[in-house]
Amino acid sequence: MALGWIRGDSNRWKLFVSNQVVQIRATAAQGSWRTENPADLASRGAPAGQLVNSQLWWNGQAWMKREEQHWQRELDISDAATAE
């Protein structure tokens, strides 16, 4: 969701989110955002059994093992994922 906010039109969001997006854009490198955060699994309440068997949890994102020039640069973020 936050990735969609950062990549979306900041004027669409409520004032707090809009201000945060503007600040992030001013300090972060363009295109430096990725999805599939391994920490999301635990922070969103995944049971221990799911974490034990999760490749993402133990190994991180597959793109991280590639050379940087092969990393995906743009992601398709739908409006459904950006609801404030």
N, C-alpha and C. Protein backbone atom coordinates (compact mmCIF):
# COMPACT_ATOMS: atom_id res chain seq x y z
N MET A 1 0.82 -1.18 0.00
CA MET A 1 0.00 0.00 0.00
C MET A 1 0.88 1.25 0.00
N ALA A 2 1.88 1.31 0.85
CA ALA A 2 2.73 2.51 0.91
C ALA A 2 3.45 2.74 -0.40
N LEU A 3 3.86 1.67 -1.06
CA LEU A 3 4.52 1.81 -2.35
C LEU A 3 3.60 2.49 -3.36
N GLY A 4 2.34 2.12 -3.34
CA GLY A 4 1.37 2.76 -4.22
C GLY A 4 1.18 4.23 -3.89
N TRP A 5 1.21 4.57 -2.61
CA TRP A 5 1.10 5.97 -2.22
C TRP A 5 2.29 6.76 -2.75
N ILE A 6 3.48 6.20 -2.59
CA ILE A 6 4.70 6.88 -3.00
C ILE A 6 4.72 7.09 -4.51
N ARG A 7 4.27 6.11 -5.24
CA ARG A 7 4.29 6.20 -6.71
C ARG A 7 3.08 6.93 -7.27
N GLY A 8 2.04 7.11 -6.48
CA GLY A 8 0.83 7.75 -6.97
C GLY A 8 0.88 9.27 -6.90
N ASP A 9 -0.19 9.89 -7.28
CA ASP A 9 -0.33 11.34 -7.24
C ASP A 9 -0.56 11.75 -5.78
N SER A 10 0.38 12.46 -5.20
CA SER A 10 0.28 12.82 -3.78
C SER A 10 -0.92 13.70 -3.48
N ASN A 11 -1.48 14.37 -4.47
CA ASN A 11 -2.67 15.20 -4.26
C ASN A 11 -3.92 14.37 -4.02
N ARG A 12 -3.88 13.08 -4.29
CA ARG A 12 -5.03 12.20 -4.10
C ARG A 12 -5.21 11.80 -2.64
N TRP A 13 -4.16 11.91 -1.84
CA TRP A 13 -4.19 11.40 -0.47
C TRP A 13 -4.56 12.48 0.53
N LYS A 14 -4.96 12.05 1.69
CA LYS A 14 -5.22 12.99 2.79
C LYS A 14 -3.92 13.70 3.14
N LEU A 15 -4.04 14.81 3.83
CA LEU A 15 -2.91 15.69 4.09
C LEU A 15 -1.70 14.99 4.70
N PHE A 16 -1.91 14.17 5.72
CA PHE A 16 -0.78 13.51 6.39
C PHE A 16 -0.03 12.62 5.40
N VAL A 17 -0.75 11.76 4.69
CA VAL A 17 -0.11 10.85 3.74
C VAL A 17 0.56 11.65 2.63
N SER A 18 -0.12 12.67 2.12
CA SER A 18 0.43 13.50 1.07
C SER A 18 1.75 14.13 1.50
N ASN A 19 1.80 14.66 2.71
CA ASN A 19 3.03 15.28 3.21
C ASN A 19 4.16 14.26 3.35
N GLN A 20 3.83 13.06 3.81
CA GLN A 20 4.84 12.02 3.96
C GLN A 20 5.39 11.59 2.60
N VAL A 21 4.51 11.45 1.62
CA VAL A 21 4.91 11.07 0.27
C VAL A 21 5.86 12.11 -0.31
N VAL A 22 5.51 13.37 -0.17
CA VAL A 22 6.37 14.45 -0.68
C VAL A 22 7.75 14.38 -0.02
N GLN A 23 7.79 14.16 1.28
CA GLN A 23 9.06 14.09 2.00
C GLN A 23 9.88 12.88 1.55
N ILE A 24 9.24 11.74 1.39
CA ILE A 24 9.95 10.53 0.94
C ILE A 24 10.52 10.73 -0.44
N ARG A 25 9.73 11.28 -1.33
CA ARG A 25 10.20 11.52 -2.70
C ARG A 25 11.39 12.48 -2.72
N ALA A 26 11.40 13.43 -1.81
CA ALA A 26 12.49 14.41 -1.78
C ALA A 26 13.80 13.80 -1.29
N THR A 27 13.73 12.72 -0.51
CA THR A 27 14.94 12.17 0.09
C THR A 27 15.34 10.80 -0.46
N ALA A 28 14.44 10.09 -1.13
CA ALA A 28 14.74 8.75 -1.61
C ALA A 28 15.01 8.74 -3.10
N ALA A 29 15.90 7.87 -3.51
CA ALA A 29 16.22 7.73 -4.94
C ALA A 29 15.02 7.21 -5.71
N GLN A 30 14.77 7.79 -6.86
CA GLN A 30 13.67 7.35 -7.73
C GLN A 30 13.89 5.89 -8.11
N GLY A 31 12.85 5.09 -8.02
CA GLY A 31 12.94 3.68 -8.41
C GLY A 31 13.60 2.78 -7.39
N SER A 32 13.82 3.28 -6.17
CA SER A 32 14.52 2.47 -5.17
C SER A 32 13.57 1.62 -4.33
N TRP A 33 12.29 1.61 -4.65
CA TRP A 33 11.31 0.89 -3.85
C TRP A 33 11.03 -0.48 -4.44
N ARG A 34 10.88 -1.46 -3.60
CA ARG A 34 10.61 -2.85 -4.00
C ARG A 34 9.41 -3.38 -3.23
N THR A 35 8.88 -4.49 -3.71
CA THR A 35 7.78 -5.15 -3.01
C THR A 35 8.29 -6.44 -2.39
N GLU A 36 7.40 -7.23 -1.85
CA GLU A 36 7.73 -8.50 -1.22
C GLU A 36 8.70 -8.33 -0.05
N ASN A 37 8.34 -7.52 0.90
CA ASN A 37 9.17 -7.32 2.08
C ASN A 37 9.02 -8.54 2.99
N PRO A 38 10.10 -9.26 3.24
CA PRO A 38 10.00 -10.44 4.11
C PRO A 38 9.43 -10.13 5.49
N ALA A 39 9.70 -8.94 6.01
CA ALA A 39 9.19 -8.56 7.33
C ALA A 39 7.67 -8.47 7.35
N ASP A 40 7.06 -8.23 6.18
CA ASP A 40 5.60 -8.15 6.11
C ASP A 40 4.95 -9.45 6.56
N LEU A 41 5.60 -10.57 6.32
CA LEU A 41 5.02 -11.85 6.70
C LEU A 41 4.74 -11.89 8.21
N ALA A 42 5.75 -11.57 8.99
CA ALA A 42 5.58 -11.61 10.45
C ALA A 42 4.72 -10.47 10.96
N SER A 43 4.92 -9.28 10.41
CA SER A 43 4.17 -8.13 10.92
C SER A 43 2.69 -8.20 10.57
N ARG A 44 2.33 -9.01 9.61
CA ARG A 44 0.92 -9.17 9.24
C ARG A 44 0.32 -10.44 9.83
N GLY A 45 1.05 -11.05 10.76
CA GLY A 45 0.48 -12.15 11.53
C GLY A 45 0.58 -13.53 10.93
N ALA A 46 1.56 -13.77 10.08
CA ALA A 46 1.72 -15.11 9.52
C ALA A 46 2.05 -16.08 10.65
N PRO A 47 1.41 -17.25 10.66
CA PRO A 47 1.72 -18.23 11.70
C PRO A 47 3.14 -18.77 11.54
N ALA A 48 3.71 -19.25 12.62
CA ALA A 48 5.09 -19.76 12.62
C ALA A 48 5.27 -20.86 11.57
N GLY A 49 4.27 -21.71 11.40
CA GLY A 49 4.37 -22.78 10.41
C GLY A 49 4.56 -22.26 9.00
N GLN A 50 3.95 -21.14 8.71
CA GLN A 50 4.10 -20.53 7.38
C GLN A 50 5.49 -19.93 7.23
N LEU A 51 6.01 -19.32 8.30
CA LEU A 51 7.34 -18.73 8.23
C LEU A 51 8.42 -19.80 8.07
N VAL A 52 8.25 -20.91 8.75
CA VAL A 52 9.23 -21.99 8.67
C VAL A 52 9.42 -22.46 7.23
N ASN A 53 8.34 -22.49 6.47
CA ASN A 53 8.38 -22.99 5.10
C ASN A 53 8.48 -21.90 4.04
N SER A 54 8.67 -20.68 4.44
CA SER A 54 8.66 -19.56 3.50
C SER A 54 10.06 -19.28 2.94
N GLN A 55 10.20 -19.40 1.62
CA GLN A 55 11.47 -19.05 0.97
C GLN A 55 11.74 -17.55 1.11
N LEU A 56 10.70 -16.75 1.01
CA LEU A 56 10.85 -15.31 1.14
C LEU A 56 11.38 -14.94 2.52
N TRP A 57 10.83 -15.54 3.55
CA TRP A 57 11.24 -15.24 4.92
C TRP A 57 12.71 -15.58 5.15
N TRP A 58 13.15 -16.74 4.70
CA TRP A 58 14.51 -17.21 4.96
C TRP A 58 15.55 -16.70 3.98
N ASN A 59 15.16 -16.44 2.75
CA ASN A 59 16.13 -16.10 1.71
C ASN A 59 16.00 -14.70 1.15
N GLY A 60 14.92 -14.03 1.48
CA GLY A 60 14.70 -12.71 0.91
C GLY A 60 14.17 -12.81 -0.50
N GLN A 61 14.10 -11.69 -1.15
CA GLN A 61 13.55 -11.64 -2.50
C GLN A 61 14.54 -12.22 -3.51
N ALA A 62 14.00 -12.92 -4.49
CA ALA A 62 14.84 -13.57 -5.50
C ALA A 62 15.70 -12.57 -6.26
N TRP A 63 15.16 -11.36 -6.53
CA TRP A 63 15.91 -10.38 -7.29
C TRP A 63 17.16 -9.92 -6.58
N MET A 64 17.21 -10.07 -5.27
CA MET A 64 18.38 -9.62 -4.51
C MET A 64 19.62 -10.46 -4.81
N LYS A 65 19.42 -11.64 -5.33
CA LYS A 65 20.55 -12.52 -5.63
C LYS A 65 21.11 -12.27 -7.03
N ARG A 66 20.44 -11.44 -7.81
CA ARG A 66 20.90 -11.11 -9.16
C ARG A 66 21.79 -9.88 -9.12
N GLU A 67 22.50 -9.66 -10.19
CA GLU A 67 23.28 -8.44 -10.33
C GLU A 67 22.31 -7.26 -10.42
N GLU A 68 22.69 -6.12 -9.91
CA GLU A 68 21.78 -4.97 -9.84
C GLU A 68 21.22 -4.56 -11.20
N GLN A 69 21.99 -4.71 -12.25
CA GLN A 69 21.49 -4.31 -13.57
C GLN A 69 20.32 -5.17 -14.03
N HIS A 70 20.08 -6.30 -13.36
CA HIS A 70 18.97 -7.19 -13.73
C HIS A 70 17.76 -7.03 -12.80
N TRP A 71 17.84 -6.11 -11.85
CA TRP A 71 16.72 -5.89 -10.94
C TRP A 71 15.56 -5.27 -11.71
N GLN A 72 14.36 -5.62 -11.31
CA GLN A 72 13.16 -5.03 -11.90
C GLN A 72 13.07 -3.57 -11.46
N ARG A 73 12.86 -2.68 -12.41
CA ARG A 73 12.85 -1.24 -12.10
C ARG A 73 11.46 -0.70 -11.85
N GLU A 74 10.48 -1.13 -12.58
CA GLU A 74 9.13 -0.60 -12.44
C GLU A 74 8.17 -1.70 -12.04
N LEU A 75 7.25 -1.38 -11.17
CA LEU A 75 6.26 -2.32 -10.69
C LEU A 75 4.88 -1.85 -11.08
N ASP A 76 3.97 -2.77 -11.33
CA ASP A 76 2.58 -2.43 -11.64
C ASP A 76 1.81 -2.31 -10.34
N ILE A 77 1.47 -1.12 -9.96
CA ILE A 77 0.74 -0.87 -8.71
C ILE A 77 -0.68 -0.48 -9.08
N SER A 78 -1.64 -1.31 -8.72
CA SER A 78 -3.03 -1.01 -9.07
C SER A 78 -3.63 -0.02 -8.07
N ASP A 79 -4.66 0.68 -8.51
CA ASP A 79 -5.34 1.63 -7.62
C ASP A 79 -5.95 0.92 -6.42
N ALA A 80 -6.34 -0.35 -6.55
CA ALA A 80 -6.92 -1.09 -5.44
C ALA A 80 -5.93 -1.24 -4.30
N ALA A 81 -4.65 -1.32 -4.63
CA ALA A 81 -3.63 -1.49 -3.60
C ALA A 81 -3.24 -0.19 -2.94
N THR A 82 -3.77 0.93 -3.40
CA THR A 82 -3.36 2.22 -2.88
C THR A 82 -4.45 2.94 -2.10
N ALA A 83 -5.51 2.26 -1.78
CA ALA A 83 -6.60 2.91 -1.04
C ALA A 83 -6.10 3.42 0.28
N GLU A 84 -6.40 4.65 0.56
CA GLU A 84 -5.94 5.26 1.81
C GLU A 84 -6.94 4.90 2.86
